[in-house]
C-alpha cells in the first residue's frame, strides 16, 4: 500500500491504535492522544499526526516517533467548508498559492552571523559617516546652518518635484537594502524590517542635517519624502507583497533630473503566481505609474514639464529569476541590484504634462 493510501487508512480507522501483522513483527499505529473522547459525528474533526511504530517501541514518547503522514481533517456533511470542497474540489486538493519567498531570500555567511553584534554596531556608524561625508566633503561648507523651504511638486520649484520623487524612491531602496543586510546577519524578518526602516530614517536625517551646512540647506520636504519611501518599503515587506510591488530610480548622481523617470511598479508575475495562473511571457512585464520633469535647470532652456505617466515595461527581476539568477547567492544578489533601476528604452507609455495640460507619447520617457 502506498503512503497516500496508508494515510487514508488512518482516517478510516480513527483515533487509537491499528495493528497490522506481518512475518517480521507487529506494527502499531498510534496517536498522541489515545484515550481522548470520541469525536462528534456532526463536527469538523481534526486528527493528530499518526506514527507507525514497531511493537517493541510502541510506548516511546511522542518526541521519539517518526512522522508517517500529515494531519487530516474530516468534515461534516452539513458544514459550509464541506459544501465548498464539493463545489470547488480543486481548491481543496491543492494548497493555496503562496507569495514568492525568493523576494526576501538573501545570501548567508556563518562568519557574518557569528559577528552579528559587532557588525550591527558598525553598520549604523558607517551609514551615518558616509551620508555626512557626502555632504560635508562634496560641497562648500563655509556658512552656517540653513533651512531651505523647497516646496513639493509645484511648477515653480527648483526641479519640478523630480528631486522629491528621487528622495521617495531612493529611500525605498535604502530601507530595502538595509533590511537585506540585517537578514544576512541572521536577524528575524520583523527585526530586519525594523532595522532597515530605522536606518533609512537615521541616514536620511543625517544627510539633511549635513546639507544644512551646504548651499542646499536642510529640507523638511526632502526628509518627509525619505521617511515616506522607507515606510512604503517596510509596509511592503511586512505585508509580504514584494512579489507584487516595487519602486525604481533612473537618476545618476551629479546630473539634473531632466532625463529621469521614477516608477512605482506592479509586478504581473506576482499576480499570476498568487492566482495560480500560468501567464506565460506576461510575467516579464511591469505596469507602472511614473513621474518625471523636463527642462528644469537645463541650459539652453527648454519647455518646462512635469509629467505623470502610465507605462508597460520589462521586469528585469523576473527575467533574472527565470534565467536561474537568484538573490540567495552573493553574485546573484549583486546582479539583482538592477531590480531597483529603471533603464532607458525598457518601457513605453503615455505621459501627461501637468504644466501644459497635454499628453505626450507613446514614448520611453527618458529622452522624449
Foldseek 3Di string as FASTA:
>chain_A
DDLVVVVVVDVVVDAAWDWDDDDPFIKIKHFLCHPDDDDDLQAKAKGQFIAIGTPVCPPPHPVPGDGRDHIDIDHGPPDPVVVVCVVCVVPVVDDFFDFDCLLLAAAADVVLLVCVVVVVVVVLVVLLVVLLCCQPVVADQPDDFAADAQDAQDLPGQQNRLVLLVLLLVLLVQLVVQLSVVVRNVDDNLVSSVRSLVSLLSSLVSNQRSNRSGPNHRYPSSSVSSNNNSVVNSVCSVVVPPQFWGKAWADDPPDGFALIKIKIWGQVLRVCSSVVHCPDPSRQKIWIWIWGWHQRPDPPGDDTFTKIKIKMFTQVLVVCVVVVLTNHDPVSVVVCVCNRHDDFPGMFTKIATPVPGDIDDRDRRRPD
